[in-house]
Amino acid sequence: PAITALEDALWAGRAARVHVIFDGRPHTAALGGTSAAHELFATV
């Protein structure tokens, strides 16, 4: 549920004024299993 919460924060967090900063490249398998999670980062 923690990883699901993080995915939700990545997908809809800005609408709720929640912003996520990662140190390092997020592991694709842990974030939904596809590269779609990488597309959620506005700035790299």
ModelCIF file with pLDDT and N, C-alpha, C, O atoms, coordinates in Angstrom:
data_MODEL
#
_entry.id   MODEL 
#
_entity.id                         1 
_entity.type                       polymer 
_entity.pdbx_number_of_molecules   1 
#
_entity_poly.entity_id                      1 
_entity_poly.type                           'polypeptide(L)' 
_entity_poly.nstd_linkage                   no 
_entity_poly.nstd_monomer                   no 
_entity_poly.pdbx_seq_one_letter_code       PAITALEDALWAGRAARVHVIFDGRPHTAALGGTSAAHELFATV 
_entity_poly.pdbx_seq_one_letter_code_can   PAITALEDALWAGRAARVHVIFDGRPHTAALGGTSAAHELFATV 
_entity_poly.pdbx_strand_id                 A 
#
loop_
_entity_poly_seq.entity_id 
_entity_poly_seq.num 
_entity_poly_seq.mon_id 
_entity_poly_seq.hetero 
1 1  PRO n 
1 2  ALA n 
1 3  ILE n 
1 4  THR n 
1 5  ALA n 
1 6  LEU n 
1 7  GLU n 
1 8  ASP n 
1 9  ALA n 
1 10 LEU n 
1 11 TRP n 
1 12 ALA n 
1 13 GLY n 
1 14 ARG n 
1 15 ALA n 
1 16 ALA n 
1 17 ARG n 
1 18 VAL n 
1 19 HIS n 
1 20 VAL n 
1 21 ILE n 
1 22 PHE n 
1 23 ASP n 
1 24 GLY n 
1 25 ARG n 
1 26 PRO n 
1 27 HIS n 
1 28 THR n 
1 29 ALA n 
1 30 ALA n 
1 31 LEU n 
1 32 GLY n 
1 33 GLY n 
1 34 THR n 
1 35 SER n 
1 36 ALA n 
1 37 ALA n 
1 38 HIS n 
1 39 GLU n 
1 40 LEU n 
1 41 PHE n 
1 42 ALA n 
1 43 THR n 
1 44 VAL n 
#
_struct_asym.id          A 
_struct_asym.entity_id   1 
#
loop_
_ma_qa_metric.id 
_ma_qa_metric.mode 
_ma_qa_metric.name 
_ma_qa_metric.software_group_id 
_ma_qa_metric.type 
1 global pLDDT . pLDDT 
2 local  pLDDT . pLDDT 
#
_ma_qa_metric_global.metric_id      1 
_ma_qa_metric_global.metric_value   70.00 
_ma_qa_metric_global.model_id       1 
_ma_qa_metric_global.ordinal_id     1 
#
loop_
_ma_qa_metric_local.label_asym_id 
_ma_qa_metric_local.label_comp_id 
_ma_qa_metric_local.label_seq_id 
_ma_qa_metric_local.metric_id 
_ma_qa_metric_local.metric_value 
_ma_qa_metric_local.model_id 
_ma_qa_metric_local.ordinal_id 
A PRO 1  2 92.00 1 1  
A ALA 2  2 90.00 1 2  
A ILE 3  2 88.00 1 3  
A THR 4  2 88.00 1 4  
A ALA 5  2 88.00 1 5  
A LEU 6  2 86.00 1 6  
A GLU 7  2 84.00 1 7  
A ASP 8  2 82.00 1 8  
A ALA 9  2 82.00 1 9  
A LEU 10 2 80.00 1 10 
A TRP 11 2 79.00 1 11 
A ALA 12 2 77.00 1 12 
A GLY 13 2 74.00 1 13 
A ARG 14 2 75.00 1 14 
A ALA 15 2 79.00 1 15 
A ALA 16 2 81.00 1 16 
A ARG 17 2 83.00 1 17 
A VAL 18 2 83.00 1 18 
A HIS 19 2 81.00 1 19 
A VAL 20 2 81.00 1 20 
A ILE 21 2 80.00 1 21 
A PHE 22 2 76.00 1 22 
A ASP 23 2 74.00 1 23 
A GLY 24 2 67.00 1 24 
A ARG 25 2 61.00 1 25 
A PRO 26 2 57.00 1 26 
A HIS 27 2 55.00 1 27 
A THR 28 2 53.00 1 28 
A ALA 29 2 56.00 1 29 
A ALA 30 2 55.00 1 30 
A LEU 31 2 62.00 1 31 
A GLY 32 2 56.00 1 32 
A GLY 33 2 53.00 1 33 
A THR 34 2 45.00 1 34 
A SER 35 2 48.00 1 35 
A ALA 36 2 55.00 1 36 
A ALA 37 2 56.00 1 37 
A HIS 38 2 52.00 1 38 
A GLU 39 2 57.00 1 39 
A LEU 40 2 60.00 1 40 
A PHE 41 2 62.00 1 41 
A ALA 42 2 60.00 1 42 
A THR 43 2 62.00 1 43 
A VAL 44 2 65.00 1 44 
#
loop_
_atom_site.group_PDB 
_atom_site.id 
_atom_site.type_symbol 
_atom_site.label_atom_id 
_atom_site.label_alt_id 
_atom_site.label_comp_id 
_atom_site.label_asym_id 
_atom_site.label_entity_id 
_atom_site.label_seq_id 
_atom_site.pdbx_PDB_ins_code 
_atom_site.Cartn_x 
_atom_site.Cartn_y 
_atom_site.Cartn_z 
_atom_site.occupancy 
_atom_site.B_iso_or_equiv 
_atom_site.pdbx_formal_charge 
_atom_site.auth_seq_id 
_atom_site.auth_comp_id 
_atom_site.auth_asym_id 
_atom_site.auth_atom_id 
_atom_site.pdbx_PDB_model_num 
ATOM 1   N N  . PRO A 1 1  ? 0.819  -1.211 0.000   1.00 92.00 ? 1  PRO A N  1 
ATOM 2   C CA . PRO A 1 1  ? 0.000  0.000  0.000   1.00 92.00 ? 1  PRO A CA 1 
ATOM 3   C C  . PRO A 1 1  ? 0.859  1.269  0.000   1.00 92.00 ? 1  PRO A C  1 
ATOM 4   O O  . PRO A 1 1  ? 0.412  2.315  -0.470  1.00 92.00 ? 1  PRO A O  1 
ATOM 5   N N  . ALA A 1 2  ? 2.066  1.185  0.515   1.00 90.00 ? 2  ALA A N  1 
ATOM 6   C CA . ALA A 1 2  ? 2.965  2.340  0.496   1.00 90.00 ? 2  ALA A CA 1 
ATOM 7   C C  . ALA A 1 2  ? 3.395  2.650  -0.932  1.00 90.00 ? 2  ALA A C  1 
ATOM 8   O O  . ALA A 1 2  ? 3.446  3.816  -1.325  1.00 90.00 ? 2  ALA A O  1 
ATOM 9   N N  . ILE A 1 3  ? 3.704  1.620  -1.709  1.00 88.00 ? 3  ILE A N  1 
ATOM 10  C CA . ILE A 1 3  ? 4.096  1.827  -3.106  1.00 88.00 ? 3  ILE A CA 1 
ATOM 11  C C  . ILE A 1 3  ? 2.901  2.307  -3.917  1.00 88.00 ? 3  ILE A C  1 
ATOM 12  O O  . ILE A 1 3  ? 3.048  3.160  -4.792  1.00 88.00 ? 3  ILE A O  1 
ATOM 13  N N  . THR A 1 4  ? 1.720  1.768  -3.633  1.00 88.00 ? 4  THR A N  1 
ATOM 14  C CA . THR A 1 4  ? 0.504  2.235  -4.301  1.00 88.00 ? 4  THR A CA 1 
ATOM 15  C C  . THR A 1 4  ? 0.261  3.704  -3.985  1.00 88.00 ? 4  THR A C  1 
ATOM 16  O O  . THR A 1 4  ? -0.107 4.477  -4.869  1.00 88.00 ? 4  THR A O  1 
ATOM 17  N N  . ALA A 1 5  ? 0.466  4.094  -2.726  1.00 88.00 ? 5  ALA A N  1 
ATOM 18  C CA . ALA A 1 5  ? 0.294  5.503  -2.335  1.00 88.00 ? 5  ALA A CA 1 
ATOM 19  C C  . ALA A 1 5  ? 1.282  6.396  -3.070  1.00 88.00 ? 5  ALA A C  1 
ATOM 20  O O  . ALA A 1 5  ? 0.938  7.500  -3.493  1.00 88.00 ? 5  ALA A O  1 
ATOM 21  N N  . LEU A 1 6  ? 2.498  5.916  -3.219  1.00 86.00 ? 6  LEU A N  1 
ATOM 22  C CA . LEU A 1 6  ? 3.504  6.685  -3.941  1.00 86.00 ? 6  LEU A CA 1 
ATOM 23  C C  . LEU A 1 6  ? 3.133  6.819  -5.418  1.00 86.00 ? 6  LEU A C  1 
ATOM 24  O O  . LEU A 1 6  ? 3.271  7.897  -5.997  1.00 86.00 ? 6  LEU A O  1 
ATOM 25  N N  . GLU A 1 7  ? 2.668  5.738  -6.026  1.00 84.00 ? 7  GLU A N  1 
ATOM 26  C CA . GLU A 1 7  ? 2.199  5.800  -7.415  1.00 84.00 ? 7  GLU A CA 1 
ATOM 27  C C  . GLU A 1 7  ? 1.063  6.805  -7.557  1.00 84.00 ? 7  GLU A C  1 
ATOM 28  O O  . GLU A 1 7  ? 1.042  7.598  -8.498  1.00 84.00 ? 7  GLU A O  1 
ATOM 29  N N  . ASP A 1 8  ? 0.114  6.771  -6.615  1.00 82.00 ? 8  ASP A N  1 
ATOM 30  C CA . ASP A 1 8  ? -1.009 7.706  -6.654  1.00 82.00 ? 8  ASP A CA 1 
ATOM 31  C C  . ASP A 1 8  ? -0.527 9.145  -6.515  1.00 82.00 ? 8  ASP A C  1 
ATOM 32  O O  . ASP A 1 8  ? -1.043 10.046 -7.176  1.00 82.00 ? 8  ASP A O  1 
ATOM 33  N N  . ALA A 1 9  ? 0.462  9.358  -5.655  1.00 82.00 ? 9  ALA A N  1 
ATOM 34  C CA . ALA A 1 9  ? 1.013  10.709 -5.484  1.00 82.00 ? 9  ALA A CA 1 
ATOM 35  C C  . ALA A 1 9  ? 1.698  11.168 -6.763  1.00 82.00 ? 9  ALA A C  1 
ATOM 36  O O  . ALA A 1 9  ? 1.664  12.354 -7.090  1.00 82.00 ? 9  ALA A O  1 
ATOM 37  N N  . LEU A 1 10 ? 2.317  10.247 -7.489  1.00 80.00 ? 10 LEU A N  1 
ATOM 38  C CA . LEU A 1 10 ? 2.943  10.600 -8.756  1.00 80.00 ? 10 LEU A CA 1 
ATOM 39  C C  . LEU A 1 10 ? 1.890  10.929 -9.812  1.00 80.00 ? 10 LEU A C  1 
ATOM 40  O O  . LEU A 1 10 ? 2.053  11.881 -10.575 1.00 80.00 ? 10 LEU A O  1 
ATOM 41  N N  . TRP A 1 11 ? 0.816  10.149 -9.860  1.00 79.00 ? 11 TRP A N  1 
ATOM 42  C CA . TRP A 1 11 ? -0.209 10.343 -10.883 1.00 79.00 ? 11 TRP A CA 1 
ATOM 43  C C  . TRP A 1 11 ? -1.078 11.565 -10.620 1.00 79.00 ? 11 TRP A C  1 
ATOM 44  O O  . TRP A 1 11 ? -1.334 12.348 -11.535 1.00 79.00 ? 11 TRP A O  1 
ATOM 45  N N  . ALA A 1 12 ? -1.533 11.738 -9.387  1.00 77.00 ? 12 ALA A N  1 
ATOM 46  C CA . ALA A 1 12 ? -2.517 12.794 -9.105  1.00 77.00 ? 12 ALA A CA 1 
ATOM 47  C C  . ALA A 1 12 ? -2.060 13.757 -8.025  1.00 77.00 ? 12 ALA A C  1 
ATOM 48  O O  . ALA A 1 12 ? -2.829 14.612 -7.587  1.00 77.00 ? 12 ALA A O  1 
ATOM 49  N N  . GLY A 1 13 ? -0.830 13.628 -7.599  1.00 74.00 ? 13 GLY A N  1 
ATOM 50  C CA . GLY A 1 13 ? -0.352 14.427 -6.479  1.00 74.00 ? 13 GLY A CA 1 
ATOM 51  C C  . GLY A 1 13 ? -0.363 15.922 -6.701  1.00 74.00 ? 13 GLY A C  1 
ATOM 52  O O  . GLY A 1 13 ? -0.701 16.680 -5.792  1.00 74.00 ? 13 GLY A O  1 
ATOM 53  N N  . ARG A 1 14 ? 0.002  16.363 -7.896  1.00 75.00 ? 14 ARG A N  1 
ATOM 54  C CA . ARG A 1 14 ? 0.039  17.812 -8.133  1.00 75.00 ? 14 ARG A CA 1 
ATOM 55  C C  . ARG A 1 14 ? -1.335 18.429 -7.969  1.00 75.00 ? 14 ARG A C  1 
ATOM 56  O O  . ARG A 1 14 ? -1.446 19.560 -7.497  1.00 75.00 ? 14 ARG A O  1 
ATOM 57  N N  . ALA A 1 15 ? -2.387 17.713 -8.346  1.00 79.00 ? 15 ALA A N  1 
ATOM 58  C CA . ALA A 1 15 ? -3.748 18.234 -8.179  1.00 79.00 ? 15 ALA A CA 1 
ATOM 59  C C  . ALA A 1 15 ? -4.082 18.408 -6.700  1.00 79.00 ? 15 ALA A C  1 
ATOM 60  O O  . ALA A 1 15 ? -4.893 19.261 -6.341  1.00 79.00 ? 15 ALA A O  1 
ATOM 61  N N  . ALA A 1 16 ? -3.455 17.599 -5.843  1.00 81.00 ? 16 ALA A N  1 
ATOM 62  C CA . ALA A 1 16 ? -3.685 17.679 -4.397  1.00 81.00 ? 16 ALA A CA 1 
ATOM 63  C C  . ALA A 1 16 ? -2.592 18.481 -3.698  1.00 81.00 ? 16 ALA A C  1 
ATOM 64  O O  . ALA A 1 16 ? -2.525 18.519 -2.469  1.00 81.00 ? 16 ALA A O  1 
ATOM 65  N N  . ARG A 1 17 ? -1.736 19.122 -4.495  1.00 83.00 ? 17 ARG A N  1 
ATOM 66  C CA . ARG A 1 17 ? -0.604 19.898 -3.972  1.00 83.00 ? 17 ARG A CA 1 
ATOM 67  C C  . ARG A 1 17 ? 0.385  19.008 -3.215  1.00 83.00 ? 17 ARG A C  1 
ATOM 68  O O  . ARG A 1 17 ? 0.926  19.391 -2.178  1.00 83.00 ? 17 ARG A O  1 
ATOM 69  N N  . VAL A 1 18 ? 0.601  17.814 -3.763  1.00 83.00 ? 18 VAL A N  1 
ATOM 70  C CA . VAL A 1 18 ? 1.583  16.862 -3.241  1.00 83.00 ? 18 VAL A CA 1 
ATOM 71  C C  . VAL A 1 18 ? 2.621  16.662 -4.340  1.00 83.00 ? 18 VAL A C  1 
ATOM 72  O O  . VAL A 1 18 ? 2.275  16.329 -5.473  1.00 83.00 ? 18 VAL A O  1 
ATOM 73  N N  . HIS A 1 19 ? 3.897  16.865 -4.004  1.00 81.00 ? 19 HIS A N  1 
ATOM 74  C CA . HIS A 1 19 ? 4.972  16.775 -4.987  1.00 81.00 ? 19 HIS A CA 1 
ATOM 75  C C  . HIS A 1 19 ? 6.002  15.763 -4.506  1.00 81.00 ? 19 HIS A C  1 
ATOM 76  O O  . HIS A 1 19 ? 6.320  15.708 -3.318  1.00 81.00 ? 19 HIS A O  1 
ATOM 77  N N  . VAL A 1 20 ? 6.519  14.967 -5.427  1.00 81.00 ? 20 VAL A N  1 
ATOM 78  C CA . VAL A 1 20 ? 7.448  13.896 -5.095  1.00 81.00 ? 20 VAL A CA 1 
ATOM 79  C C  . VAL A 1 20 ? 8.807  14.198 -5.717  1.00 81.00 ? 20 VAL A C  1 
ATOM 80  O O  . VAL A 1 20 ? 8.908  14.539 -6.895  1.00 81.00 ? 20 VAL A O  1 
ATOM 81  N N  . ILE A 1 21 ? 9.852  14.064 -4.898  1.00 80.00 ? 21 ILE A N  1 
ATOM 82  C CA . ILE A 1 21 ? 11.229 14.227 -5.355  1.00 80.00 ? 21 ILE A CA 1 
ATOM 83  C C  . ILE A 1 21 ? 11.951 12.914 -5.081  1.00 80.00 ? 21 ILE A C  1 
ATOM 84  O O  . ILE A 1 21 ? 11.960 12.425 -3.951  1.00 80.00 ? 21 ILE A O  1 
ATOM 85  N N  . PHE A 1 22 ? 12.553 12.349 -6.118  1.00 76.00 ? 22 PHE A N  1 
ATOM 86  C CA . PHE A 1 22 ? 13.302 11.102 -5.995  1.00 76.00 ? 22 PHE A CA 1 
ATOM 87  C C  . PHE A 1 22 ? 14.781 11.383 -6.077  1.00 76.00 ? 22 PHE A C  1 
ATOM 88  O O  . PHE A 1 22 ? 15.223 12.194 -6.891  1.00 76.00 ? 22 PHE A O  1 
ATOM 89  N N  . ASP A 1 23 ? 15.543 10.720 -5.242  1.00 74.00 ? 23 ASP A N  1 
ATOM 90  C CA . ASP A 1 23 ? 17.000 10.723 -5.365  1.00 74.00 ? 23 ASP A CA 1 
ATOM 91  C C  . ASP A 1 23 ? 17.359 9.410  -6.043  1.00 74.00 ? 23 ASP A C  1 
ATOM 92  O O  . ASP A 1 23 ? 17.345 8.350  -5.418  1.00 74.00 ? 23 ASP A O  1 
ATOM 93  N N  . GLY A 1 24 ? 17.672 9.490  -7.292  1.00 67.00 ? 24 GLY A N  1 
ATOM 94  C CA . GLY A 1 24 ? 17.976 8.287  -8.057  1.00 67.00 ? 24 GLY A CA 1 
ATOM 95  C C  . GLY A 1 24 ? 16.859 7.996  -9.030  1.00 67.00 ? 24 GLY A C  1 
ATOM 96  O O  . GLY A 1 24 ? 15.780 8.585  -8.969  1.00 67.00 ? 24 GLY A O  1 
ATOM 97  N N  . ARG A 1 25 ? 17.138 7.083  -9.920  1.00 61.00 ? 25 ARG A N  1 
ATOM 98  C CA . ARG A 1 25 ? 16.163 6.706  -10.931 1.00 61.00 ? 25 ARG A CA 1 
ATOM 99  C C  . ARG A 1 25 ? 15.201 5.695  -10.335 1.00 61.00 ? 25 ARG A C  1 
ATOM 100 O O  . ARG A 1 25 ? 15.648 4.653  -9.854  1.00 61.00 ? 25 ARG A O  1 
ATOM 101 N N  . PRO A 1 26 ? 13.889 5.955  -10.344 1.00 57.00 ? 26 PRO A N  1 
ATOM 102 C CA . PRO A 1 26 ? 12.955 5.008  -9.738  1.00 57.00 ? 26 PRO A CA 1 
ATOM 103 C C  . PRO A 1 26 ? 12.925 3.680  -10.476 1.00 57.00 ? 26 PRO A C  1 
ATOM 104 O O  . PRO A 1 26 ? 12.935 3.643  -11.707 1.00 57.00 ? 26 PRO A O  1 
ATOM 105 N N  . HIS A 1 27 ? 12.888 2.616  -9.738  1.00 55.00 ? 27 HIS A N  1 
ATOM 106 C CA . HIS A 1 27 ? 12.869 1.266  -10.291 1.00 55.00 ? 27 HIS A CA 1 
ATOM 107 C C  . HIS A 1 27 ? 11.512 1.015  -10.934 1.00 55.00 ? 27 HIS A C  1 
ATOM 108 O O  . HIS A 1 27 ? 10.478 1.087  -10.270 1.00 55.00 ? 27 HIS A O  1 
ATOM 109 N N  . THR A 1 28 ? 11.522 0.725  -12.209 1.00 53.00 ? 28 THR A N  1 
ATOM 110 C CA . THR A 1 28 ? 10.287 0.579  -12.966 1.00 53.00 ? 28 THR A CA 1 
ATOM 111 C C  . THR A 1 28 ? 9.412  -0.548 -12.433 1.00 53.00 ? 28 THR A C  1 
ATOM 112 O O  . THR A 1 28 ? 8.192  -0.396 -12.372 1.00 53.00 ? 28 THR A O  1 
ATOM 113 N N  . ALA A 1 29 ? 9.997  -1.662 -12.049 1.00 56.00 ? 29 ALA A N  1 
ATOM 114 C CA . ALA A 1 29 ? 9.202  -2.799 -11.587 1.00 56.00 ? 29 ALA A CA 1 
ATOM 115 C C  . ALA A 1 29 ? 8.431  -2.463 -10.320 1.00 56.00 ? 29 ALA A C  1 
ATOM 116 O O  . ALA A 1 29 ? 7.317  -2.951 -10.131 1.00 56.00 ? 29 ALA A O  1 
ATOM 117 N N  . ALA A 1 30 ? 8.999  -1.643 -9.457  1.00 55.00 ? 30 ALA A N  1 
ATOM 118 C CA . ALA A 1 30 ? 8.324  -1.284 -8.215  1.00 55.00 ? 30 ALA A CA 1 
ATOM 119 C C  . ALA A 1 30 ? 7.211  -0.273 -8.450  1.00 55.00 ? 30 ALA A C  1 
ATOM 120 O O  . ALA A 1 30 ? 6.253  -0.220 -7.678  1.00 55.00 ? 30 ALA A O  1 
ATOM 121 N N  . LEU A 1 31 ? 7.319  0.517  -9.487  1.00 62.00 ? 31 LEU A N  1 
ATOM 122 C CA . LEU A 1 31 ? 6.303  1.530  -9.781  1.00 62.00 ? 31 LEU A CA 1 
ATOM 123 C C  . LEU A 1 31 ? 5.437  1.095  -10.956 1.00 62.00 ? 31 LEU A C  1 
ATOM 124 O O  . LEU A 1 31 ? 5.545  1.643  -12.053 1.00 62.00 ? 31 LEU A O  1 
ATOM 125 N N  . GLY A 1 32 ? 4.604  0.138  -10.728 1.00 56.00 ? 32 GLY A N  1 
ATOM 126 C CA . GLY A 1 32 ? 3.638  -0.259 -11.735 1.00 56.00 ? 32 GLY A CA 1 
ATOM 127 C C  . GLY A 1 32 ? 4.137  -1.217 -12.794 1.00 56.00 ? 32 GLY A C  1 
ATOM 128 O O  . GLY A 1 32 ? 3.338  -1.714 -13.588 1.00 56.00 ? 32 GLY A O  1 
ATOM 129 N N  . GLY A 1 33 ? 5.434  -1.494 -12.835 1.00 53.00 ? 33 GLY A N  1 
ATOM 130 C CA . GLY A 1 33 ? 5.954  -2.481 -13.760 1.00 53.00 ? 33 GLY A CA 1 
ATOM 131 C C  . GLY A 1 33 ? 6.141  -2.011 -15.193 1.00 53.00 ? 33 GLY A C  1 
ATOM 132 O O  . GLY A 1 33 ? 6.559  -2.796 -16.043 1.00 53.00 ? 33 GLY A O  1 
ATOM 133 N N  . THR A 1 34 ? 5.839  -0.742 -15.484 1.00 45.00 ? 34 THR A N  1 
ATOM 134 C CA . THR A 1 34 ? 6.050  -0.230 -16.834 1.00 45.00 ? 34 THR A CA 1 
ATOM 135 C C  . THR A 1 34 ? 6.861  1.055  -16.766 1.00 45.00 ? 34 THR A C  1 
ATOM 136 O O  . THR A 1 34 ? 7.110  1.583  -15.682 1.00 45.00 ? 34 THR A O  1 
ATOM 137 N N  . SER A 1 35 ? 7.261  1.543  -17.897 1.00 48.00 ? 35 SER A N  1 
ATOM 138 C CA . SER A 1 35 ? 8.021  2.788  -17.924 1.00 48.00 ? 35 SER A CA 1 
ATOM 139 C C  . SER A 1 35 ? 7.123  4.005  -17.783 1.00 48.00 ? 35 SER A C  1 
ATOM 140 O O  . SER A 1 35 ? 7.624  5.129  -17.775 1.00 48.00 ? 35 SER A O  1 
ATOM 141 N N  . ALA A 1 36 ? 5.805  3.820  -17.670 1.00 55.00 ? 36 ALA A N  1 
ATOM 142 C CA . ALA A 1 36 ? 4.880  4.944  -17.545 1.00 55.00 ? 36 ALA A CA 1 
ATOM 143 C C  . ALA A 1 36 ? 5.189  5.792  -16.315 1.00 55.00 ? 36 ALA A C  1 
ATOM 144 O O  . ALA A 1 36 ? 4.976  7.005  -16.326 1.00 55.00 ? 36 ALA A O  1 
ATOM 145 N N  . ALA A 1 37 ? 5.685  5.164  -15.264 1.00 56.00 ? 37 ALA A N  1 
ATOM 146 C CA . ALA A 1 37 ? 6.006  5.915  -14.046 1.00 56.00 ? 37 ALA A CA 1 
ATOM 147 C C  . ALA A 1 37 ? 7.088  6.948  -14.309 1.00 56.00 ? 37 ALA A C  1 
ATOM 148 O O  . ALA A 1 37 ? 7.074  8.018  -13.702 1.00 56.00 ? 37 ALA A O  1 
ATOM 149 N N  . HIS A 1 38 ? 8.023  6.652  -15.201 1.00 52.00 ? 38 HIS A N  1 
ATOM 150 C CA . HIS A 1 38 ? 9.089  7.600  -15.519 1.00 52.00 ? 38 HIS A CA 1 
ATOM 151 C C  . HIS A 1 38 ? 8.533  8.863  -16.164 1.00 52.00 ? 38 HIS A C  1 
ATOM 152 O O  . HIS A 1 38 ? 9.102  9.944  -16.014 1.00 52.00 ? 38 HIS A O  1 
ATOM 153 N N  . GLU A 1 39 ? 7.427  8.728  -16.877 1.00 57.00 ? 39 GLU A N  1 
ATOM 154 C CA . GLU A 1 39 ? 6.844  9.870  -17.563 1.00 57.00 ? 39 GLU A CA 1 
ATOM 155 C C  . GLU A 1 39 ? 6.182  10.845 -16.605 1.00 57.00 ? 39 GLU A C  1 
ATOM 156 O O  . GLU A 1 39 ? 5.825  11.952 -17.008 1.00 57.00 ? 39 GLU A O  1 
ATOM 157 N N  . LEU A 1 40 ? 6.012  10.467 -15.363 1.00 60.00 ? 40 LEU A N  1 
ATOM 158 C CA . LEU A 1 40 ? 5.347  11.326 -14.393 1.00 60.00 ? 40 LEU A CA 1 
ATOM 159 C C  . LEU A 1 40 ? 6.275  12.375 -13.802 1.00 60.00 ? 40 LEU A C  1 
ATOM 160 O O  . LEU A 1 40 ? 5.816  13.291 -13.119 1.00 60.00 ? 40 LEU A O  1 
ATOM 161 N N  . PHE A 1 41 ? 7.548  12.258 -14.050 1.00 62.00 ? 41 PHE A N  1 
ATOM 162 C CA . PHE A 1 41 ? 8.499  13.223 -13.521 1.00 62.00 ? 41 PHE A CA 1 
ATOM 163 C C  . PHE A 1 41 ? 8.643  14.363 -14.512 1.00 62.00 ? 41 PHE A C  1 
ATOM 164 O O  . PHE A 1 41 ? 9.098  14.166 -15.639 1.00 62.00 ? 41 PHE A O  1 
ATOM 165 N N  . ALA A 1 42 ? 8.250  15.567 -14.080 1.00 60.00 ? 42 ALA A N  1 
ATOM 166 C CA . ALA A 1 42 ? 8.282  16.724 -14.966 1.00 60.00 ? 42 ALA A CA 1 
ATOM 167 C C  . ALA A 1 42 ? 9.705  17.194 -15.217 1.00 60.00 ? 42 ALA A C  1 
ATOM 168 O O  . ALA A 1 42 ? 10.015 17.681 -16.304 1.00 60.00 ? 42 ALA A O  1 
ATOM 169 N N  . THR A 1 43 ? 10.569 17.054 -14.225 1.00 62.00 ? 43 THR A N  1 
ATOM 170 C CA . THR A 1 43 ? 11.940 17.540 -14.340 1.00 62.00 ? 43 THR A CA 1 
ATOM 171 C C  . THR A 1 43 ? 12.889 16.449 -13.891 1.00 62.00 ? 43 THR A C  1 
ATOM 172 O O  . THR A 1 43 ? 12.681 15.817 -12.855 1.00 62.00 ? 43 THR A O  1 
ATOM 173 N N  . VAL A 1 44 ? 13.923 16.233 -14.672 1.00 65.00 ? 44 VAL A N  1 
ATOM 174 C CA . VAL A 1 44 ? 14.961 15.274 -14.307 1.00 65.00 ? 44 VAL A CA 1 
ATOM 175 C C  . VAL A 1 44 ? 16.271 16.042 -14.263 1.00 65.00 ? 44 VAL A C  1 
ATOM 176 O O  . VAL A 1 44 ? 17.318 15.461 -13.977 1.00 65.00 ? 44 VAL A O  1 
#
